[in-house]
Amino acid sequence: MAGHSKWANIQHRKGRQDEKRGKAWTRVIREIMVAARLGGGDPSANPRLRLAIEKAKAVNLPVETVKRNIDKATGNLEGVNYEEIRYEGYGIGGAAVIVDCMTDNRVRTVAEVRHAFSKYGGNMGTEGSVAFQFKHCGQFVFAPGASEDKVMEVALDAGAEDVISGDDGSIEVLCAPADFEAVKTALEGAGLKPEVAEVTMRAENPVEITGDDAQRMQKLLDVLEDLDDVQDVFHNALLGE
């Protein structure tokens, strides 16, 4: 799709995340605390906590900070209790948007998310209004130029569900969330380094948005991502020139 490279969209998202390292620490700390509270403080017995600790390493969060927040979440130290909330809505051109939050004040969070949607051209929806358009899965994305045959062989042997070649030369590997660690380990063991490796909500039916509408949609996404209580924003917009 000319002007609608999925790879370009992914690179933009990665760039935005890299710009916000300070917020990345806050997000990872909240994820560690929720994971530890729900599944216990032992990473070997808690896959979600293991993944959160990997994210912490990727953003250079100090080891002592990781341990301290696990202790807070498991009751060894006094800390804040965060709850997970998901909001759904529509962006420009009817694009589907999911906003995952962790908050200690639900009233504040819903007001901020609703305000962002309404101010920047979107509409907040009800629970379940857009979630059916996304698949909860493990996702690995390789830059154009990676060996499709090698990626496919290693990924499928490790339990991946699908390998998709993009028109832009990128390669996408999908797996069940429970198989994420096994597939990741196998790919890395074979010397295959994905640009993106995450458990995500993947849009099933991307919507192409161009011109002024693409800029307006990007603004809405940026504002949502910048909210303090927001952990992740998922959407099905392919933003072109």
C-alpha atoms as a PDB file:
ATOM      1  CA  MET A   1       0.000   0.000   0.000  1.00  0.00           C
ATOM      2  CA  ALA A   2       1.766   3.112  -1.230  1.00  0.00           C
ATOM      3  CA  GLY A   3       2.204   5.630   1.543  1.00  0.00           C
ATOM      4  CA  HIS A   4       0.809   3.215   4.118  1.00  0.00           C
ATOM      5  CA  SER A   5       3.838   1.192   5.149  1.00  0.00           C
ATOM      6  CA  LYS A   6       3.146  -0.741   8.314  1.00  0.00           C
ATOM      7  CA  TRP A   7       6.903  -0.650   8.884  1.00  0.00           C
ATOM      8  CA  ALA A   8       6.904   3.167   8.748  1.00  0.00           C
ATOM      9  CA  ASN A   9       4.065   3.267  11.266  1.00  0.00           C
ATOM     10  CA  ILE A  10       5.927   0.920  13.605  1.00  0.00           C
ATOM     11  CA  GLN A  11       9.139   2.954  13.308  1.00  0.00           C
ATOM     12  CA  HIS A  12       7.236   6.132  14.166  1.00  0.00           C
ATOM     13  CA  ARG A  13       5.754   4.481  17.232  1.00  0.00           C
ATOM     14  CA  LYS A  14       9.173   3.251  18.369  1.00  0.00           C
ATOM     15  CA  GLY A  15      10.565   6.743  17.898  1.00  0.00           C
ATOM     16  CA  ARG A  16       7.814   8.232  20.022  1.00  0.00           C
ATOM     17  CA  GLN A  17       8.522   5.690  22.761  1.00  0.00           C
ATOM     18  CA  ASP A  18      12.248   6.437  22.662  1.00  0.00           C
ATOM     19  CA  GLU A  19      11.518  10.162  23.046  1.00  0.00           C
ATOM     20  CA  LYS A  20       9.668   9.513  26.289  1.00  0.00           C
ATOM     21  CA  ARG A  21      12.169   7.533  28.342  1.00  0.00           C
ATOM     22  CA  GLY A  22      11.104   9.293  31.550  1.00  0.00           C
ATOM     23  CA  LYS A  23       7.536   8.188  31.090  1.00  0.00           C
ATOM     24  CA  ALA A  24       8.752   4.732  30.055  1.00  0.00           C
ATOM     25  CA  TRP A  25      10.167   4.258  33.572  1.00  0.00           C
ATOM     26  CA  THR A  26       6.825   5.205  35.132  1.00  0.00           C
ATOM     27  CA  ARG A  27       4.937   2.811  32.864  1.00  0.00           C
ATOM     28  CA  VAL A  28       7.305  -0.079  33.532  1.00  0.00           C
ATOM     29  CA  ILE A  29       7.186   0.484  37.296  1.00  0.00           C
ATOM     30  CA  ARG A  30       3.384   0.345  37.239  1.00  0.00           C
ATOM     31  CA  GLU A  31       3.454  -2.814  35.116  1.00  0.00           C
ATOM     32  CA  ILE A  32       5.920  -4.442  37.548  1.00  0.00           C
ATOM     33  CA  MET A  33       3.738  -3.550  40.534  1.00  0.00           C
ATOM     34  CA  VAL A  34       0.514  -4.863  38.996  1.00  0.00           C
ATOM     35  CA  ALA A  35       2.201  -8.035  37.727  1.00  0.00           C
ATOM     36  CA  ALA A  36       3.776  -8.729  41.116  1.00  0.00           C
ATOM     37  CA  ARG A  37       0.562  -8.021  43.003  1.00  0.00           C
ATOM     38  CA  LEU A  38      -1.488 -10.345  40.784  1.00  0.00           C
ATOM     39  CA  GLY A  39       1.031 -13.158  40.263  1.00  0.00           C
ATOM     40  CA  GLY A  40       3.533 -12.892  43.104  1.00  0.00           C
ATOM     41  CA  GLY A  41       7.028 -11.474  43.343  1.00  0.00           C
ATOM     42  CA  ASP A  42       8.934 -14.491  41.978  1.00  0.00           C
ATOM     43  CA  PRO A  43       9.712 -13.886  38.282  1.00  0.00           C
ATOM     44  CA  SER A  44      10.388 -17.579  37.639  1.00  0.00           C
ATOM     45  CA  ALA A  45       6.765 -18.370  38.546  1.00  0.00           C
ATOM     46  CA  ASN A  46       5.199 -15.220  37.074  1.00  0.00           C
ATOM     47  CA  PRO A  47       5.498 -14.810  33.253  1.00  0.00           C
ATOM     48  CA  ARG A  48       3.936 -11.358  33.270  1.00  0.00           C
ATOM     49  CA  LEU A  49       6.469 -10.157  35.842  1.00  0.00           C
ATOM     50  CA  ARG A  50       9.325 -11.663  33.803  1.00  0.00           C
ATOM     51  CA  LEU A  51       8.173  -9.707  30.760  1.00  0.00           C
ATOM     52  CA  ALA A  52       7.863  -6.514  32.818  1.00  0.00           C
ATOM     53  CA  ILE A  53      11.416  -6.956  34.127  1.00  0.00           C
ATOM     54  CA  GLU A  54      12.643  -7.398  30.543  1.00  0.00           C
ATOM     55  CA  LYS A  55      10.946  -4.117  29.635  1.00  0.00           C
ATOM     56  CA  ALA A  56      12.646  -2.530  32.655  1.00  0.00           C
ATOM     57  CA  LYS A  57      16.052  -3.667  31.391  1.00  0.00           C
ATOM     58  CA  ALA A  58      15.285  -2.322  27.916  1.00  0.00           C
ATOM     59  CA  VAL A  59      14.717   1.189  29.331  1.00  0.00           C
ATOM     60  CA  ASN A  60      17.656   0.925  31.776  1.00  0.00           C
ATOM     61  CA  LEU A  61      15.540   1.002  34.921  1.00  0.00           C
ATOM     62  CA  PRO A  62      17.891   0.369  37.882  1.00  0.00           C
ATOM     63  CA  VAL A  63      17.743  -3.127  39.393  1.00  0.00           C
ATOM     64  CA  GLU A  64      17.188  -1.673  42.888  1.00  0.00           C
ATOM     65  CA  THR A  65      14.131   0.199  41.603  1.00  0.00           C
ATOM     66  CA  VAL A  66      12.720  -3.019  40.146  1.00  0.00           C
ATOM     67  CA  LYS A  67      13.211  -4.881  43.433  1.00  0.00           C
ATOM     68  CA  ARG A  68      11.787  -2.061  45.546  1.00  0.00           C
ATOM     69  CA  ASN A  69       8.594  -1.920  43.496  1.00  0.00           C
ATOM     70  CA  ILE A  70       8.148  -5.691  43.580  1.00  0.00           C
ATOM     71  CA  ASP A  71       8.439  -5.447  47.375  1.00  0.00           C
ATOM     72  CA  LYS A  72       5.861  -2.658  47.456  1.00  0.00           C
ATOM     73  CA  ALA A  73       3.426  -4.660  45.350  1.00  0.00           C
ATOM     74  CA  THR A  74       3.776  -7.826  47.408  1.00  0.00           C
ATOM     75  CA  GLY A  75       3.283  -6.054  50.720  1.00  0.00           C
ATOM     76  CA  ASN A  76       6.882  -5.948  51.927  1.00  0.00           C
ATOM     77  CA  LEU A  77       6.942  -2.160  51.572  1.00  0.00           C
ATOM     78  CA  GLU A  78       4.182   0.435  51.672  1.00  0.00           C
ATOM     79  CA  GLY A  79       3.174   1.492  48.168  1.00  0.00           C
ATOM     80  CA  VAL A  80       0.387   2.696  45.885  1.00  0.00           C
ATOM     81  CA  ASN A  81      -2.230   0.255  44.592  1.00  0.00           C
ATOM     82  CA  TYR A  82      -2.829   0.580  40.863  1.00  0.00           C
ATOM     83  CA  GLU A  83      -5.785  -0.921  39.055  1.00  0.00           C
ATOM     84  CA  GLU A  84      -5.962  -1.733  35.363  1.00  0.00           C
ATOM     85  CA  ILE A  85      -8.686  -0.117  33.265  1.00  0.00           C
ATOM     86  CA  ARG A  86      -9.325  -0.299  29.522  1.00  0.00           C
ATOM     87  CA  TYR A  87     -11.170   2.398  27.591  1.00  0.00           C
ATOM     88  CA  GLU A  88     -12.341   2.083  23.999  1.00  0.00           C
ATOM     89  CA  GLY A  89     -13.273   4.647  21.426  1.00  0.00           C
ATOM     90  CA  TYR A  90     -13.105   5.969  17.887  1.00  0.00           C
ATOM     91  CA  GLY A  91     -10.591   8.302  16.316  1.00  0.00           C
ATOM     92  CA  ILE A  92     -10.582  10.185  13.027  1.00  0.00           C
ATOM     93  CA  GLY A  93     -12.413   8.432  10.203  1.00  0.00           C
ATOM     94  CA  GLY A  94     -13.907   5.888  12.588  1.00  0.00           C
ATOM     95  CA  ALA A  95     -10.512   4.334  13.431  1.00  0.00           C
ATOM     96  CA  ALA A  96     -10.719   2.011  16.449  1.00  0.00           C
ATOM     97  CA  VAL A  97      -8.709   2.959  19.545  1.00  0.00           C
ATOM     98  CA  ILE A  98      -8.007   1.037  22.757  1.00  0.00           C
ATOM     99  CA  VAL A  99      -6.461   2.872  25.728  1.00  0.00           C
ATOM    100  CA  ASP A 100      -5.006   0.718  28.518  1.00  0.00           C
ATOM    101  CA  CYS A 101      -4.447   2.532  31.811  1.00  0.00           C
ATOM    102  CA  MET A 102      -3.108   1.848  35.281  1.00  0.00           C
ATOM    103  CA  THR A 103      -4.364   4.256  37.882  1.00  0.00           C
ATOM    104  CA  ASP A 104      -4.850   4.957  41.563  1.00  0.00           C
ATOM    105  CA  ASN A 105      -7.763   7.292  40.743  1.00  0.00           C
ATOM    106  CA  ARG A 106     -10.333   5.977  38.289  1.00  0.00           C
ATOM    107  CA  VAL A 107     -12.397   9.193  38.271  1.00  0.00           C
ATOM    108  CA  ARG A 108      -9.404  11.297  37.237  1.00  0.00           C
ATOM    109  CA  THR A 109      -8.338   8.856  34.540  1.00  0.00           C
ATOM    110  CA  VAL A 110     -11.690   8.485  32.805  1.00  0.00           C
ATOM    111  CA  ALA A 111     -12.137  12.270  32.769  1.00  0.00           C
ATOM    112  CA  GLU A 112      -8.710  12.780  31.151  1.00  0.00           C
ATOM    113  CA  VAL A 113      -9.238  10.083  28.523  1.00  0.00           C
ATOM    114  CA  ARG A 114     -12.742  11.307  27.662  1.00  0.00           C
ATOM    115  CA  HIS A 115     -11.491  14.894  27.375  1.00  0.00           C
ATOM    116  CA  ALA A 116      -8.674  13.849  25.007  1.00  0.00           C
ATOM    117  CA  PHE A 117     -11.080  11.978  22.731  1.00  0.00           C
ATOM    118  CA  SER A 118     -13.607  14.805  22.590  1.00  0.00           C
ATOM    119  CA  LYS A 119     -11.082  17.648  22.184  1.00  0.00           C
ATOM    120  CA  TYR A 120      -9.104  16.022  19.385  1.00  0.00           C
ATOM    121  CA  GLY A 121     -11.863  14.723  17.140  1.00  0.00           C
ATOM    122  CA  GLY A 122     -12.594  11.282  18.576  1.00  0.00           C
ATOM    123  CA  ASN A 123     -15.426   9.711  20.539  1.00  0.00           C
ATOM    124  CA  MET A 124     -15.194   7.545  23.635  1.00  0.00           C
ATOM    125  CA  GLY A 125     -17.144   4.315  23.249  1.00  0.00           C
ATOM    126  CA  THR A 126     -18.592   1.725  25.594  1.00  0.00           C
ATOM    127  CA  GLU A 127     -16.797  -1.385  26.812  1.00  0.00           C
ATOM    128  CA  GLY A 128     -16.476  -3.872  23.955  1.00  0.00           C
ATOM    129  CA  SER A 129     -17.290  -1.317  21.263  1.00  0.00           C
ATOM    130  CA  VAL A 130     -13.992  -1.785  19.393  1.00  0.00           C
ATOM    131  CA  ALA A 131     -12.069  -4.553  21.203  1.00  0.00           C
ATOM    132  CA  PHE A 132     -13.497  -7.204  18.853  1.00  0.00           C
ATOM    133  CA  GLN A 133     -11.448  -5.603  16.055  1.00  0.00           C
ATOM    134  CA  PHE A 134      -8.175  -6.547  17.784  1.00  0.00           C
ATOM    135  CA  LYS A 135      -6.397  -9.810  18.583  1.00  0.00           C
ATOM    136  CA  HIS A 136      -4.495 -10.289  21.843  1.00  0.00           C
ATOM    137  CA  CYS A 137      -1.251 -11.929  20.732  1.00  0.00           C
ATOM    138  CA  GLY A 138       2.507 -12.011  20.807  1.00  0.00           C
ATOM    139  CA  GLN A 139       3.988  -9.976  17.956  1.00  0.00           C
ATOM    140  CA  PHE A 140       7.503  -9.855  16.523  1.00  0.00           C
ATOM    141  CA  VAL A 141       8.375  -7.535  13.649  1.00  0.00           C
ATOM    142  CA  PHE A 142      11.587  -7.838  11.614  1.00  0.00           C
ATOM    143  CA  ALA A 143      12.985  -5.035   9.503  1.00  0.00           C
ATOM    144  CA  PRO A 144      12.950  -5.322   5.711  1.00  0.00           C
ATOM    145  CA  GLY A 145      15.862  -7.508   4.642  1.00  0.00           C
ATOM    146  CA  ALA A 146      15.534 -10.246   7.247  1.00  0.00           C
ATOM    147  CA  SER A 147      15.529 -13.829   5.928  1.00  0.00           C
ATOM    148  CA  GLU A 148      11.892 -14.835   5.594  1.00  0.00           C
ATOM    149  CA  ASP A 149      12.724 -18.542   5.278  1.00  0.00           C
ATOM    150  CA  LYS A 150      14.835 -18.563   8.432  1.00  0.00           C
ATOM    151  CA  VAL A 151      12.336 -16.531  10.443  1.00  0.00           C
ATOM    152  CA  MET A 152       9.499 -18.791   9.324  1.00  0.00           C
ATOM    153  CA  GLU A 153      11.354 -22.023  10.105  1.00  0.00           C
ATOM    154  CA  VAL A 154      12.458 -20.969  13.586  1.00  0.00           C
ATOM    155  CA  ALA A 155       9.196 -19.259  14.540  1.00  0.00           C
ATOM    156  CA  LEU A 156       6.849 -22.047  13.467  1.00  0.00           C
ATOM    157  CA  ASP A 157       9.028 -24.703  15.127  1.00  0.00           C
ATOM    158  CA  ALA A 158       8.817 -22.700  18.369  1.00  0.00           C
ATOM    159  CA  GLY A 159       5.011 -22.561  18.289  1.00  0.00           C
ATOM    160  CA  ALA A 160       4.196 -19.384  16.356  1.00  0.00           C
ATOM    161  CA  GLU A 161       0.760 -19.268  14.739  1.00  0.00           C
ATOM    162  CA  ASP A 162       1.545 -17.200  11.655  1.00  0.00           C
ATOM    163  CA  VAL A 163       4.339 -15.492   9.710  1.00  0.00           C
ATOM    164  CA  ILE A 164       3.279 -12.574   7.509  1.00  0.00           C
ATOM    165  CA  SER A 165       5.372 -10.863   4.840  1.00  0.00           C
ATOM    166  CA  GLY A 166       4.640  -7.181   4.375  1.00  0.00           C
ATOM    167  CA  ASP A 167       4.595  -5.373   1.027  1.00  0.00           C
ATOM    168  CA  ASP A 168       7.352  -3.167   2.475  1.00  0.00           C
ATOM    169  CA  GLY A 169       9.659  -6.167   3.060  1.00  0.00           C
ATOM    170  CA  SER A 170       9.073  -6.429   6.791  1.00  0.00           C
ATOM    171  CA  ILE A 171       8.220  -9.781   8.395  1.00  0.00           C
ATOM    172  CA  GLU A 172       5.694 -10.197  11.188  1.00  0.00           C
ATOM    173  CA  VAL A 173       5.452 -13.231  13.468  1.00  0.00           C
ATOM    174  CA  LEU A 174       2.326 -13.850  15.567  1.00  0.00           C
ATOM    175  CA  CYS A 175       1.847 -16.266  18.444  1.00  0.00           C
ATOM    176  CA  ALA A 176      -0.452 -16.912  21.385  1.00  0.00           C
ATOM    177  CA  PRO A 177       0.426 -14.754  24.423  1.00  0.00           C
ATOM    178  CA  ALA A 178       1.311 -17.903  26.382  1.00  0.00           C
ATOM    179  CA  ASP A 179       3.890 -18.856  23.716  1.00  0.00           C
ATOM    180  CA  PHE A 180       5.563 -15.445  23.563  1.00  0.00           C
ATOM    181  CA  GLU A 181       8.577 -16.309  25.701  1.00  0.00           C
ATOM    182  CA  ALA A 182       9.258 -19.590  23.896  1.00  0.00           C
ATOM    183  CA  VAL A 183       9.109 -17.971  20.456  1.00  0.00           C
ATOM    184  CA  LYS A 184      11.238 -15.011  21.579  1.00  0.00           C
ATOM    185  CA  THR A 185      13.893 -17.313  23.036  1.00  0.00           C
ATOM    186  CA  ALA A 186      13.984 -19.426  19.866  1.00  0.00           C
ATOM    187  CA  LEU A 187      14.298 -16.423  17.550  1.00  0.00           C
ATOM    188  CA  GLU A 188      17.061 -14.835  19.596  1.00  0.00           C
ATOM    189  CA  GLY A 189      18.831 -18.187  19.908  1.00  0.00           C
ATOM    190  CA  ALA A 190      18.917 -18.394  16.116  1.00  0.00           C
ATOM    191  CA  GLY A 191      20.448 -14.936  15.879  1.00  0.00           C
ATOM    192  CA  LEU A 192      17.225 -13.324  14.686  1.00  0.00           C
ATOM    193  CA  LYS A 193      16.671  -9.973  16.391  1.00  0.00           C
ATOM    194  CA  PRO A 194      13.211  -8.444  15.951  1.00  0.00           C
ATOM    195  CA  GLU A 195      12.755  -4.679  16.006  1.00  0.00           C
ATOM    196  CA  VAL A 196       9.512  -5.172  17.929  1.00  0.00           C
ATOM    197  CA  ALA A 197       8.813  -7.978  20.401  1.00  0.00           C
ATOM    198  CA  GLU A 198       5.745  -7.552  22.588  1.00  0.00           C
ATOM    199  CA  VAL A 199       2.435  -8.950  23.712  1.00  0.00           C
ATOM    200  CA  THR A 200      -0.033  -6.577  22.143  1.00  0.00           C
ATOM    201  CA  MET A 201      -3.537  -5.926  20.845  1.00  0.00           C
ATOM    202  CA  ARG A 202      -3.086  -6.295  17.067  1.00  0.00           C
ATOM    203  CA  ALA A 203      -5.566  -4.619  14.748  1.00  0.00           C
ATOM    204  CA  GLU A 204      -7.330  -7.150  12.515  1.00  0.00           C
ATOM    205  CA  ASN A 205      -8.671  -4.675   9.931  1.00  0.00           C
ATOM    206  CA  PRO A 206      -6.386  -1.637   9.460  1.00  0.00           C
ATOM    207  CA  VAL A 207      -7.979   1.595   8.263  1.00  0.00           C
ATOM    208  CA  GLU A 208      -6.019   3.813   5.861  1.00  0.00           C
ATOM    209  CA  ILE A 209      -5.941   7.495   6.823  1.00  0.00           C
ATOM    210  CA  THR A 210      -4.108  10.179   4.810  1.00  0.00           C
ATOM    211  CA  GLY A 211      -3.479  13.912   4.628  1.00  0.00           C
ATOM    212  CA  ASP A 212      -4.953  16.226   7.262  1.00  0.00           C
ATOM    213  CA  ASP A 213      -6.931  13.349   8.773  1.00  0.00           C
ATOM    214  CA  ALA A 214      -3.700  11.404   9.359  1.00  0.00           C
ATOM    215  CA  GLN A 215      -2.182  14.408  11.149  1.00  0.00           C
ATOM    216  CA  ARG A 216      -5.299  14.845  13.276  1.00  0.00           C
ATOM    217  CA  MET A 217      -5.290  11.141  14.150  1.00  0.00           C
ATOM    218  CA  GLN A 218      -1.615  11.282  15.109  1.00  0.00           C
ATOM    219  CA  LYS A 219      -2.338  14.260  17.367  1.00  0.00           C
ATOM    220  CA  LEU A 220      -5.114  12.362  19.140  1.00  0.00           C
ATOM    221  CA  LEU A 221      -2.830   9.339  19.642  1.00  0.00           C
ATOM    222  CA  ASP A 222       0.014  11.523  20.926  1.00  0.00           C
ATOM    223  CA  VAL A 223      -2.248  13.272  23.436  1.00  0.00           C
ATOM    224  CA  LEU A 224      -3.631   9.963  24.712  1.00  0.00           C
ATOM    225  CA  GLU A 225      -0.143   8.447  25.025  1.00  0.00           C
ATOM    226  CA  ASP A 226       1.074  11.472  26.976  1.00  0.00           C
ATOM    227  CA  LEU A 227      -1.573  11.112  29.707  1.00  0.00           C
ATOM    228  CA  ASP A 228       0.067  10.116  32.982  1.00  0.00           C
ATOM    229  CA  ASP A 229      -2.162   7.100  33.637  1.00  0.00           C
ATOM    230  CA  VAL A 230      -1.961   5.629  30.119  1.00  0.00           C
ATOM    231  CA  GLN A 231       0.181   2.518  29.654  1.00  0.00           C
ATOM    232  CA  ASP A 232      -0.579   1.642  26.028  1.00  0.00           C
ATOM    233  CA  VAL A 233      -2.606   2.928  23.104  1.00  0.00           C
ATOM    234  CA  PHE A 234      -3.609   0.470  20.377  1.00  0.00           C
ATOM    235  CA  HIS A 235      -5.324   1.483  17.150  1.00  0.00           C
ATOM    236  CA  ASN A 236      -6.086   0.223  13.650  1.00  0.00           C
ATOM    237  CA  ALA A 237      -5.060   3.355  11.744  1.00  0.00           C
ATOM    238  CA  LEU A 238      -2.441   3.107   8.995  1.00  0.00           C
ATOM    239  CA  LEU A 239      -1.244   6.664   8.725  1.00  0.00           C
ATOM    240  CA  GLY A 240      -0.039   7.784   5.289  1.00  0.00           C
ATOM    241  CA  GLU A 241       1.211  11.008   3.753  1.00  0.00           C
END
